[in-house]
Amino acid sequence: MNHLLLTASIAELKALRYTPAGLPAQDLVLEHESQVEEAGQSRLVKATLRAVAFGAVAERMRQQAVGSSWRFAGFVANQRAGKGLVLHVQEFQPVSTESSGAHHGRT
């Protein structure tokens, strides 16, 4: 299974581009920070991740503010150049103050 859920803020939005098939594509950079437990120790995790969205998700993504926080859902794949991974965003929603974990609706 290849499914990633990540709460992150938008660090960078590139210009909207179009695939050869005419599909809108939005490249972006995400920044994540959290506190997790590992081997009985609390650990601060900071990560920067490249991401891309296509179609209607790309159209909605380009309207969001740099610095805004979201819960992203999608899958990871190799970058086109084959160096590192990129998150393919399939949906995103505002980060709620509730910790429900449920996915209701799309943004």
PDB file of N, CA and C in Angstrom:
ATOM      1  N   MET A   1       0.847  -1.179   0.000  1.00  0.00           N
ATOM      2  CA  MET A   1       0.000   0.000   0.000  1.00  0.00           C
ATOM      3  C   MET A   1       0.891   1.240   0.000  1.00  0.00           C
ATOM      4  N   ASN A   2       0.527   2.228  -0.750  1.00  0.00           N
ATOM      5  CA  ASN A   2       1.273   3.479  -0.848  1.00  0.00           C
ATOM      6  C   ASN A   2       0.290   4.619  -0.615  1.00  0.00           C
ATOM      7  N   HIS A   3       0.161   5.047   0.660  1.00  0.00           N
ATOM      8  CA  HIS A   3      -0.756   6.117   1.023  1.00  0.00           C
ATOM      9  C   HIS A   3      -0.099   6.931   2.131  1.00  0.00           C
ATOM     10  N   LEU A   4      -0.005   8.225   1.933  1.00  0.00           N
ATOM     11  CA  LEU A   4       0.651   9.085   2.909  1.00  0.00           C
ATOM     12  C   LEU A   4      -0.315  10.165   3.367  1.00  0.00           C
ATOM     13  N   LEU A   5      -0.428  10.343   4.687  1.00  0.00           N
ATOM     14  CA  LEU A   5      -1.162  11.448   5.288  1.00  0.00           C
ATOM     15  C   LEU A   5      -0.147  12.310   6.004  1.00  0.00           C
ATOM     16  N   LEU A   6      -0.162  13.599   5.736  1.00  0.00           N
ATOM     17  CA  LEU A   6       0.845  14.482   6.307  1.00  0.00           C
ATOM     18  C   LEU A   6       0.245  15.849   6.568  1.00  0.00           C
ATOM     19  N   THR A   7       0.448  16.353   7.774  1.00  0.00           N
ATOM     20  CA  THR A   7       0.082  17.727   8.082  1.00  0.00           C
ATOM     21  C   THR A   7       1.317  18.569   7.828  1.00  0.00           C
ATOM     22  N   ALA A   8       1.160  19.598   7.007  1.00  0.00           N
ATOM     23  CA  ALA A   8       2.313  20.423   6.627  1.00  0.00           C
ATOM     24  C   ALA A   8       1.838  21.794   6.194  1.00  0.00           C
ATOM     25  N   SER A   9       2.786  22.713   6.111  1.00  0.00           N
ATOM     26  CA  SER A   9       2.477  24.041   5.582  1.00  0.00           C
ATOM     27  C   SER A   9       3.098  24.176   4.197  1.00  0.00           C
ATOM     28  N   ILE A  10       2.487  25.021   3.394  1.00  0.00           N
ATOM     29  CA  ILE A  10       2.996  25.267   2.049  1.00  0.00           C
ATOM     30  C   ILE A  10       4.164  26.236   2.161  1.00  0.00           C
ATOM     31  N   ALA A  11       5.351  25.776   1.818  1.00  0.00           N
ATOM     32  CA  ALA A  11       6.544  26.611   1.894  1.00  0.00           C
ATOM     33  C   ALA A  11       6.786  27.351   0.582  1.00  0.00           C
ATOM     34  N   GLU A  12       6.381  26.731  -0.520  1.00  0.00           N
ATOM     35  CA  GLU A  12       6.633  27.330  -1.836  1.00  0.00           C
ATOM     36  C   GLU A  12       5.620  26.793  -2.841  1.00  0.00           C
ATOM     37  N   LEU A  13       5.063  27.684  -3.646  1.00  0.00           N
ATOM     38  CA  LEU A  13       4.175  27.306  -4.751  1.00  0.00           C
ATOM     39  C   LEU A  13       4.834  27.759  -6.044  1.00  0.00           C
ATOM     40  N   LYS A  14       5.090  26.828  -6.925  1.00  0.00           N
ATOM     41  CA  LYS A  14       5.660  27.168  -8.237  1.00  0.00           C
ATOM     42  C   LYS A  14       4.529  27.684  -9.129  1.00  0.00           C
ATOM     43  N   ALA A  15       4.871  28.180 -10.300  1.00  0.00           N
ATOM     44  CA  ALA A  15       3.853  28.612 -11.262  1.00  0.00           C
ATOM     45  C   ALA A  15       3.086  27.399 -11.760  1.00  0.00           C
ATOM     46  N   LEU A  16       1.781  27.558 -11.942  1.00  0.00           N
ATOM     47  CA  LEU A  16       0.966  26.474 -12.478  1.00  0.00           C
ATOM     48  C   LEU A  16       1.475  26.138 -13.876  1.00  0.00           C
ATOM     49  N   ARG A  17       1.614  24.853 -14.144  1.00  0.00           N
ATOM     50  CA  ARG A  17       2.059  24.403 -15.462  1.00  0.00           C
ATOM     51  C   ARG A  17       1.033  23.421 -16.006  1.00  0.00           C
ATOM     52  N   TYR A  18       1.232  22.999 -17.237  1.00  0.00           N
ATOM     53  CA  TYR A  18       0.324  22.043 -17.857  1.00  0.00           C
ATOM     54  C   TYR A  18       1.129  20.875 -18.425  1.00  0.00           C
ATOM     55  N   THR A  19       0.591  19.670 -18.252  1.00  0.00           N
ATOM     56  CA  THR A  19       1.238  18.483 -18.793  1.00  0.00           C
ATOM     57  C   THR A  19       1.067  18.490 -20.312  1.00  0.00           C
ATOM     58  N   PRO A  20       1.819  17.658 -21.037  1.00  0.00           N
ATOM     59  CA  PRO A  20       1.630  17.571 -22.499  1.00  0.00           C
ATOM     60  C   PRO A  20       0.181  17.243 -22.888  1.00  0.00           C
ATOM     61  N   ALA A  21      -0.548  16.581 -21.992  1.00  0.00           N
ATOM     62  CA  ALA A  21      -1.950  16.249 -22.261  1.00  0.00           C
ATOM     63  C   ALA A  21      -2.896  17.399 -21.900  1.00  0.00           C
ATOM     64  N   GLY A  22      -2.333  18.523 -21.415  1.00  0.00           N
ATOM     65  CA  GLY A  22      -3.148  19.684 -21.080  1.00  0.00           C
ATOM     66  C   GLY A  22      -3.704  19.695 -19.663  1.00  0.00           C
ATOM     67  N   LEU A  23      -3.243  18.790 -18.825  1.00  0.00           N
ATOM     68  CA  LEU A  23      -3.717  18.704 -17.440  1.00  0.00           C
ATOM     69  C   LEU A  23      -2.963  19.714 -16.574  1.00  0.00           C
ATOM     70  N   PRO A  24      -3.684  20.528 -15.766  1.00  0.00           N
ATOM     71  CA  PRO A  24      -2.990  21.459 -14.872  1.00  0.00           C
ATOM     72  C   PRO A  24      -2.137  20.690 -13.862  1.00  0.00           C
ATOM     73  N   ALA A  25      -0.947  21.208 -13.582  1.00  0.00           N
ATOM     74  CA  ALA A  25      -0.038  20.589 -12.612  1.00  0.00           C
ATOM     75  C   ALA A  25       0.547  21.686 -11.728  1.00  0.00           C
ATOM     76  N   GLN A  26       0.481  21.477 -10.423  1.00  0.00           N
ATOM     77  CA  GLN A  26       0.994  22.445  -9.457  1.00  0.00           C
ATOM     78  C   GLN A  26       2.115  21.812  -8.657  1.00  0.00           C
ATOM     79  N   ASP A  27       3.333  22.302  -8.824  1.00  0.00           N
ATOM     80  CA  ASP A  27       4.468  21.847  -8.029  1.00  0.00           C
ATOM     81  C   ASP A  27       4.563  22.727  -6.794  1.00  0.00           C
ATOM     82  N   LEU A  28       4.900  22.122  -5.658  1.00  0.00           N
ATOM     83  CA  LEU A  28       5.019  22.879  -4.426  1.00  0.00           C
ATOM     84  C   LEU A  28       6.015  22.207  -3.497  1.00  0.00           C
ATOM     85  N   VAL A  29       6.391  22.938  -2.461  1.00  0.00           N
ATOM     86  CA  VAL A  29       7.275  22.423  -1.427  1.00  0.00           C
ATOM     87  C   VAL A  29       6.523  22.529  -0.110  1.00  0.00           C
ATOM     88  N   LEU A  30       6.535  21.442   0.659  1.00  0.00           N
ATOM     89  CA  LEU A  30       5.853  21.391   1.945  1.00  0.00           C
ATOM     90  C   LEU A  30       6.857  21.323   3.074  1.00  0.00           C
ATOM     91  N   GLU A  31       6.502  21.923   4.214  1.00  0.00           N
ATOM     92  CA  GLU A  31       7.327  21.833   5.420  1.00  0.00           C
ATOM     93  C   GLU A  31       6.489  21.228   6.538  1.00  0.00           C
ATOM     94  N   HIS A  32       7.044  20.227   7.178  1.00  0.00           N
ATOM     95  CA  HIS A  32       6.364  19.508   8.256  1.00  0.00           C
ATOM     96  C   HIS A  32       7.191  19.616   9.528  1.00  0.00           C
ATOM     97  N   GLU A  33       6.489  19.754  10.662  1.00  0.00           N
ATOM     98  CA  GLU A  33       7.149  19.726  11.965  1.00  0.00           C
ATOM     99  C   GLU A  33       6.211  19.055  12.949  1.00  0.00           C
ATOM    100  N   SER A  34       6.736  18.084  13.703  1.00  0.00           N
ATOM    101  CA  SER A  34       5.926  17.400  14.706  1.00  0.00           C
ATOM    102  C   SER A  34       6.808  16.822  15.806  1.00  0.00           C
ATOM    103  N   GLN A  35       6.153  16.400  16.874  1.00  0.00           N
ATOM    104  CA  GLN A  35       6.807  15.740  17.998  1.00  0.00           C
ATOM    105  C   GLN A  35       6.311  14.299  17.984  1.00  0.00           C
ATOM    106  N   VAL A  36       7.218  13.326  17.943  1.00  0.00           N
ATOM    107  CA  VAL A  36       6.838  11.911  17.924  1.00  0.00           C
ATOM    108  C   VAL A  36       7.621  11.142  18.980  1.00  0.00           C
ATOM    109  N   GLU A  37       7.096   9.970  19.335  1.00  0.00           N
ATOM    110  CA  GLU A  37       7.781   9.061  20.252  1.00  0.00           C
ATOM    111  C   GLU A  37       8.532   8.026  19.431  1.00  0.00           C
ATOM    112  N   GLU A  38       9.802   7.824  19.757  1.00  0.00           N
ATOM    113  CA  GLU A  38      10.591   6.793  19.100  1.00  0.00           C
ATOM    114  C   GLU A  38      11.505   6.155  20.132  1.00  0.00           C
ATOM    115  N   ALA A  39      11.385   4.846  20.295  1.00  0.00           N
ATOM    116  CA  ALA A  39      12.204   4.090  21.251  1.00  0.00           C
ATOM    117  C   ALA A  39      12.129   4.702  22.645  1.00  0.00           C
ATOM    118  N   GLY A  40      10.923   5.120  23.043  1.00  0.00           N
ATOM    119  CA  GLY A  40      10.719   5.671  24.373  1.00  0.00           C
ATOM    120  C   GLY A  40      11.194   7.099  24.551  1.00  0.00           C
ATOM    121  N   GLN A  41      11.644   7.719  23.492  1.00  0.00           N
ATOM    122  CA  GLN A  41      12.150   9.097  23.555  1.00  0.00           C
ATOM    123  C   GLN A  41      11.271  10.010  22.712  1.00  0.00           C
ATOM    124  N   SER A  42      11.122  11.247  23.154  1.00  0.00           N
ATOM    125  CA  SER A  42      10.407  12.238  22.372  1.00  0.00           C
ATOM    126  C   SER A  42      11.373  12.812  21.343  1.00  0.00           C
ATOM    127  N   ARG A  43      10.895  12.940  20.118  1.00  0.00           N
ATOM    128  CA  ARG A  43      11.765  13.411  19.043  1.00  0.00           C
ATOM    129  C   ARG A  43      11.062  14.495  18.236  1.00  0.00           C
ATOM    130  N   LEU A  44      11.767  15.578  17.958  1.00  0.00           N
ATOM    131  CA  LEU A  44      11.256  16.641  17.099  1.00  0.00           C
ATOM    132  C   LEU A  44      11.593  16.279  15.658  1.00  0.00           C
ATOM    133  N   VAL A  45      10.577  16.218  14.817  1.00  0.00           N
ATOM    134  CA  VAL A  45      10.765  15.869  13.413  1.00  0.00           C
ATOM    135  C   VAL A  45      10.488  17.103  12.564  1.00  0.00           C
ATOM    136  N   LYS A  46      11.438  17.439  11.725  1.00  0.00           N
ATOM    137  CA  LYS A  46      11.265  18.510  10.751  1.00  0.00           C
ATOM    138  C   LYS A  46      11.614  17.934   9.393  1.00  0.00           C
ATOM    139  N   ALA A  47      10.750  18.172   8.406  1.00  0.00           N
ATOM    140  CA  ALA A  47      10.998  17.623   7.080  1.00  0.00           C
ATOM    141  C   ALA A  47      10.495  18.590   6.016  1.00  0.00           C
ATOM    142  N   THR A  48      11.221  18.658   4.924  1.00  0.00           N
ATOM    143  CA  THR A  48      10.812  19.414   3.741  1.00  0.00           C
ATOM    144  C   THR A  48      10.580  18.393   2.641  1.00  0.00           C
ATOM    145  N   LEU A  49       9.468  18.530   1.932  1.00  0.00           N
ATOM    146  CA  LEU A  49       9.078  17.524   0.946  1.00  0.00           C
ATOM    147  C   LEU A  49       8.550  18.194  -0.303  1.00  0.00           C
ATOM    148  N   ARG A  50       9.014  17.726  -1.443  1.00  0.00           N
ATOM    149  CA  ARG A  50       8.469  18.199  -2.720  1.00  0.00           C
ATOM    150  C   ARG A  50       7.142  17.499  -2.957  1.00  0.00           C
ATOM    151  N   ALA A  51       6.200  18.218  -3.564  1.00  0.00           N
ATOM    152  CA  ALA A  51       4.882  17.648  -3.835  1.00  0.00           C
ATOM    153  C   ALA A  51       4.383  18.166  -5.177  1.00  0.00           C
ATOM    154  N   VAL A  52       3.385  17.469  -5.720  1.00  0.00           N
ATOM    155  CA  VAL A  52       2.758  17.871  -6.975  1.00  0.00           C
ATOM    156  C   VAL A  52       1.282  17.497  -6.901  1.00  0.00           C
ATOM    157  N   ALA A  53       0.446  18.321  -7.516  1.00  0.00           N
ATOM    158  CA  ALA A  53      -0.983  18.027  -7.626  1.00  0.00           C
ATOM    159  C   ALA A  53      -1.382  18.206  -9.083  1.00  0.00           C
ATOM    160  N   PHE A  54      -2.358  17.424  -9.530  1.00  0.00           N
ATOM    161  CA  PHE A  54      -2.816  17.483 -10.919  1.00  0.00           C
ATOM    162  C   PHE A  54      -4.318  17.741 -10.983  1.00  0.00           C
ATOM    163  N   GLY A  55      -4.770  18.249 -12.103  1.00  0.00           N
ATOM    164  CA  GLY A  55      -6.196  18.421 -12.360  1.00  0.00           C
ATOM    165  C   GLY A  55      -6.854  19.424 -11.436  1.00  0.00           C
ATOM    166  N   ALA A  56      -8.071  19.074 -10.968  1.00  0.00           N
ATOM    167  CA  ALA A  56      -8.851  19.966 -10.105  1.00  0.00           C
ATOM    168  C   ALA A  56      -8.127  20.253  -8.787  1.00  0.00           C
ATOM    169  N   VAL A  57      -7.379  19.277  -8.277  1.00  0.00           N
ATOM    170  CA  VAL A  57      -6.631  19.486  -7.032  1.00  0.00           C
ATOM    171  C   VAL A  57      -5.566  20.560  -7.255  1.00  0.00           C
ATOM    172  N   ALA A  58      -4.913  20.546  -8.402  1.00  0.00           N
ATOM    173  CA  ALA A  58      -3.910  21.568  -8.733  1.00  0.00           C
ATOM    174  C   ALA A  58      -4.558  22.945  -8.817  1.00  0.00           C
ATOM    175  N   GLU A  59      -5.734  23.024  -9.405  1.00  0.00           N
ATOM    176  CA  GLU A  59      -6.450  24.302  -9.530  1.00  0.00           C
ATOM    177  C   GLU A  59      -6.771  24.874  -8.150  1.00  0.00           C
ATOM    178  N   ARG A  60      -7.194  24.008  -7.217  1.00  0.00           N
ATOM    179  CA  ARG A  60      -7.494  24.476  -5.853  1.00  0.00           C
ATOM    180  C   ARG A  60      -6.215  24.817  -5.098  1.00  0.00           C
ATOM    181  N   MET A  61      -5.170  24.023  -5.322  1.00  0.00           N
ATOM    182  CA  MET A  61      -3.906  24.227  -4.616  1.00  0.00           C
ATOM    183  C   MET A  61      -3.304  25.588  -4.929  1.00  0.00           C
ATOM    184  N   ARG A  62      -3.362  25.999  -6.181  1.00  0.00           N
ATOM    185  CA  ARG A  62      -2.714  27.256  -6.578  1.00  0.00           C
ATOM    186  C   ARG A  62      -3.358  28.479  -5.934  1.00  0.00           C
ATOM    187  N   GLN A  63      -4.551  28.320  -5.379  1.00  0.00           N
ATOM    188  CA  GLN A  63      -5.250  29.438  -4.742  1.00  0.00           C
ATOM    189  C   GLN A  63      -4.911  29.576  -3.261  1.00  0.00           C
ATOM    190  N   GLN A  64      -4.112  28.667  -2.725  1.00  0.00           N
ATOM    191  CA  GLN A  64      -3.804  28.674  -1.294  1.00  0.00           C
ATOM    192  C   GLN A  64      -2.586  29.555  -1.004  1.00  0.00           C
ATOM    193  N   ALA A  65      -2.535  30.062   0.194  1.00  0.00           N
ATOM    194  CA  ALA A  65      -1.463  30.976   0.598  1.00  0.00           C
ATOM    195  C   ALA A  65      -0.221  30.214   1.046  1.00  0.00           C
ATOM    196  N   VAL A  66       0.932  30.725   0.648  1.00  0.00           N
ATOM    197  CA  VAL A  66       2.193  30.205   1.175  1.00  0.00           C
ATOM    198  C   VAL A  66       2.163  30.429   2.687  1.00  0.00           C
ATOM    199  N   GLY A  67       2.555  29.426   3.441  1.00  0.00           N
ATOM    200  CA  GLY A  67       2.537  29.507   4.898  1.00  0.00           C
ATOM    201  C   GLY A  67       1.296  28.890   5.517  1.00  0.00           C
ATOM    202  N   SER A  68       0.257  28.631   4.719  1.00  0.00           N
ATOM    203  CA  SER A  68      -0.964  28.035   5.269  1.00  0.00           C
ATOM    204  C   SER A  68      -0.744  26.544   5.523  1.00  0.00           C
ATOM    205  N   SER A  69      -1.450  26.012   6.527  1.00  0.00           N
ATOM    206  CA  SER A  69      -1.281  24.611   6.932  1.00  0.00           C
ATOM    207  C   SER A  69      -2.469  23.775   6.487  1.00  0.00           C
ATOM    208  N   TRP A  70      -2.167  22.540   6.061  1.00  0.00           N
ATOM    209  CA  TRP A  70      -3.164  21.632   5.513  1.00  0.00           C
ATOM    210  C   TRP A  70      -2.852  20.204   5.906  1.00  0.00           C
ATOM    211  N   ARG A  71      -3.848  19.349   5.792  1.00  0.00           N
ATOM    212  CA  ARG A  71      -3.646  17.906   5.903  1.00  0.00           C
ATOM    213  C   ARG A  71      -3.687  17.370   4.480  1.00  0.00           C
ATOM    214  N   PHE A  72      -2.573  16.831   4.032  1.00  0.00           N
ATOM    215  CA  PHE A  72      -2.427  16.332   2.669  1.00  0.00           C
ATOM    216  C   PHE A  72      -2.564  14.814   2.655  1.00  0.00           C
ATOM    217  N   ALA A  73      -3.206  14.293   1.620  1.00  0.00           N
ATOM    218  CA  ALA A  73      -3.323  12.852   1.423  1.00  0.00           C
ATOM    219  C   ALA A  73      -2.920  12.538  -0.006  1.00  0.00           C
ATOM    220  N   GLY A  74      -2.151  11.479  -0.173  1.00  0.00           N
ATOM    221  CA  GLY A  74      -1.727  11.099  -1.516  1.00  0.00           C
ATOM    222  C   GLY A  74      -0.800   9.908  -1.466  1.00  0.00           C
ATOM    223  N   PHE A  75       0.077   9.824  -2.448  1.00  0.00           N
ATOM    224  CA  PHE A  75       1.038   8.719  -2.521  1.00  0.00           C
ATOM    225  C   PHE A  75       2.397   9.281  -2.913  1.00  0.00           C
ATOM    226  N   VAL A  76       3.448   8.513  -2.645  1.00  0.00           N
ATOM    227  CA  VAL A  76       4.796   8.944  -2.998  1.00  0.00           C
ATOM    228  C   VAL A  76       5.289   8.170  -4.211  1.00  0.00           C
ATOM    229  N   ALA A  77       6.095   8.850  -5.025  1.00  0.00           N
ATOM    230  CA  ALA A  77       6.705   8.256  -6.217  1.00  0.00           C
ATOM    231  C   ALA A  77       8.060   8.915  -6.427  1.00  0.00           C
ATOM    232  N   ASN A  78       8.888   8.302  -7.249  1.00  0.00           N
ATOM    233  CA  ASN A  78      10.167   8.910  -7.592  1.00  0.00           C
ATOM    234  C   ASN A  78       9.939  10.192  -8.371  1.00  0.00           C
ATOM    235  N   GLN A  79      10.836  11.159  -8.167  1.00  0.00           N
ATOM    236  CA  GLN A  79      10.789  12.370  -8.975  1.00  0.00           C
ATOM    237  C   GLN A  79      11.140  12.013 -10.409  1.00  0.00           C
ATOM    238  N   ARG A  80      10.773  12.898 -11.328  1.00  0.00           N
ATOM    239  CA  ARG A  80      11.047  12.627 -12.748  1.00  0.00           C
ATOM    240  C   ARG A  80      12.521  12.343 -12.997  1.00  0.00           C
ATOM    241  N   ALA A  81      13.413  13.057 -12.331  1.00  0.00           N
ATOM    242  CA  ALA A  81      14.852  12.849 -12.513  1.00  0.00           C
ATOM    243  C   ALA A  81      15.342  11.611 -11.751  1.00  0.00           C
ATOM    244  N   GLY A  82      14.443  11.012 -10.945  1.00  0.00           N
ATOM    245  CA  GLY A  82      14.806   9.808 -10.208  1.00  0.00           C
ATOM    246  C   GLY A  82      15.570  10.063  -8.924  1.00  0.00           C
ATOM    247  N   LYS A  83      15.720  11.314  -8.519  1.00  0.00           N
ATOM    248  CA  LYS A  83      16.459  11.647  -7.299  1.00  0.00           C
ATOM    249  C   LYS A  83      15.479  12.065  -6.212  1.00  0.00           C
ATOM    250  N   GLY A  84      15.204  11.174  -5.288  1.00  0.00           N
ATOM    251  CA  GLY A  84      14.304  11.485  -4.190  1.00  0.00           C
ATOM    252  C   GLY A  84      12.856  11.179  -4.513  1.00  0.00           C
ATOM    253  N   LEU A  85      12.005  11.426  -3.516  1.00  0.00           N
ATOM    254  CA  LEU A  85      10.586  11.158  -3.639  1.00  0.00           C
ATOM    255  C   LEU A  85       9.786  12.449  -3.743  1.00  0.00           C
ATOM    256  N   VAL A  86       8.608  12.340  -4.326  1.00  0.00           N
ATOM    257  CA  VAL A  86       7.677  13.460  -4.400  1.00  0.00           C
ATOM    258  C   VAL A  86       6.309  12.948  -3.962  1.00  0.00           C
ATOM    259  N   LEU A  87       5.597  13.746  -3.173  1.00  0.00           N
ATOM    260  CA  LEU A  87       4.244  13.424  -2.751  1.00  0.00           C
ATOM    261  C   LEU A  87       3.277  13.859  -3.834  1.00  0.00           C
ATOM    262  N   HIS A  88       2.487  12.936  -4.347  1.00  0.00           N
ATOM    263  CA  HIS A  88       1.427  13.253  -5.307  1.00  0.00           C
ATOM    264  C   HIS A  88       0.169  13.496  -4.485  1.00  0.00           C
ATOM    265  N   VAL A  89      -0.230  14.756  -4.360  1.00  0.00           N
ATOM    266  CA  VAL A  89      -1.373  15.131  -3.532  1.00  0.00           C
ATOM    267  C   VAL A  89      -2.667  14.785  -4.273  1.00  0.00           C
ATOM    268  N   GLN A  90      -3.488  13.962  -3.649  1.00  0.00           N
ATOM    269  CA  GLN A  90      -4.775  13.588  -4.233  1.00  0.00           C
ATOM    270  C   GLN A  90      -5.922  14.346  -3.585  1.00  0.00           C
ATOM    271  N   GLU A  91      -5.706  14.806  -2.353  1.00  0.00           N
ATOM    272  CA  GLU A  91      -6.681  15.653  -1.678  1.00  0.00           C
ATOM    273  C   GLU A  91      -5.988  16.399  -0.556  1.00  0.00           C
ATOM    274  N   PHE A  92      -6.586  17.508  -0.161  1.00  0.00           N
ATOM    275  CA  PHE A  92      -6.073  18.248   0.984  1.00  0.00           C
ATOM    276  C   PHE A  92      -7.229  18.959   1.642  1.00  0.00           C
ATOM    277  N   GLN A  93      -7.091  19.165   2.950  1.00  0.00           N
ATOM    278  CA  GLN A  93      -8.139  19.825   3.712  1.00  0.00           C
ATOM    279  C   GLN A  93      -7.500  20.665   4.793  1.00  0.00           C
ATOM    280  N   PRO A  94      -8.237  21.658   5.293  1.00  0.00           N
ATOM    281  CA  PRO A  94      -7.666  22.514   6.347  1.00  0.00           C
ATOM    282  C   PRO A  94      -7.321  21.689   7.581  1.00  0.00           C
ATOM    283  N   VAL A  95      -6.299  22.104   8.276  1.00  0.00           N
ATOM    284  CA  VAL A  95      -5.946  21.468   9.544  1.00  0.00           C
ATOM    285  C   VAL A  95      -6.977  21.938  10.554  1.00  0.00           C
ATOM    286  N   SER A  96      -7.692  20.990  11.162  1.00  0.00           N
ATOM    287  CA  SER A  96      -8.702  21.366  12.153  1.00  0.00           C
ATOM    288  C   SER A  96      -8.071  21.340  13.533  1.00  0.00           C
ATOM    289  N   THR A  97      -8.708  22.038  14.446  1.00  0.00           N
ATOM    290  CA  THR A  97      -8.221  22.047  15.824  1.00  0.00           C
ATOM    291  C   THR A  97      -8.641  20.769  16.536  1.00  0.00           C
ATOM    292  N   GLU A  98      -9.611  20.049  15.945  1.00  0.00           N
ATOM    293  CA  GLU A  98     -10.015  18.761  16.495  1.00  0.00           C
ATOM    294  C   GLU A  98      -9.034  17.699  16.024  1.00  0.00           C
ATOM    295  N   SER A  99      -8.858  16.678  16.794  1.00  0.00           N
ATOM    296  CA  SER A  99      -8.008  15.574  16.367  1.00  0.00           C
ATOM    297  C   SER A  99      -8.896  14.372  16.062  1.00  0.00           C
ATOM    298  N   SER A 100      -9.823  14.562  15.146  1.00  0.00           N
ATOM    299  CA  SER A 100     -10.785  13.507  14.832  1.00  0.00           C
ATOM    300  C   SER A 100     -10.184  12.426  13.954  1.00  0.00           C
ATOM    301  N   GLY A 101      -9.256  12.790  13.060  1.00  0.00           N
ATOM    302  CA  GLY A 101      -8.660  11.814  12.186  1.00  0.00           C
ATOM    303  C   GLY A 101      -9.555  11.406  11.038  1.00  0.00           C
ATOM    304  N   ALA A 102     -10.789  11.877  11.035  1.00  0.00           N
ATOM    305  CA  ALA A 102     -11.726  11.508   9.960  1.00  0.00           C
ATOM    306  C   ALA A 102     -11.513  12.402   8.744  1.00  0.00           C
ATOM    307  N   HIS A 103     -11.795  11.861   7.585  1.00  0.00           N
ATOM    308  CA  HIS A 103     -11.682  12.613   6.344  1.00  0.00           C
ATOM    309  C   HIS A 103     -13.083  12.933   5.869  1.00  0.00           C
ATOM    310  N   HIS A 104     -13.524  14.147   6.089  1.00  0.00           N
ATOM    311  CA  HIS A 104     -14.842  14.564   5.636  1.00  0.00           C
ATOM    312  C   HIS A 104     -14.668  15.671   4.620  1.00  0.00           C
ATOM    313  N   GLY A 105     -15.030  15.415   3.386  1.00  0.00           N
ATOM    314  CA  GLY A 105     -14.957  16.437   2.348  1.00  0.00           C
ATOM    315  C   GLY A 105     -13.554  16.679   1.863  1.00  0.00           C
ATOM    316  N   ARG A 106     -13.477  17.502   0.849  1.00  0.00           N
ATOM    317  CA  ARG A 106     -12.190  17.856   0.254  1.00  0.00           C
ATOM    318  C   ARG A 106     -12.115  19.360   0.131  1.00  0.00           C
ATOM    319  N   THR A 107     -10.886  19.856   0.159  1.00  0.00           N
ATOM    320  CA  THR A 107     -10.682  21.285  -0.016  1.00  0.00           C
ATOM    321  C   THR A 107      -9.876  21.523  -1.258  1.00  0.00           C
TER     322      THR A 107
END
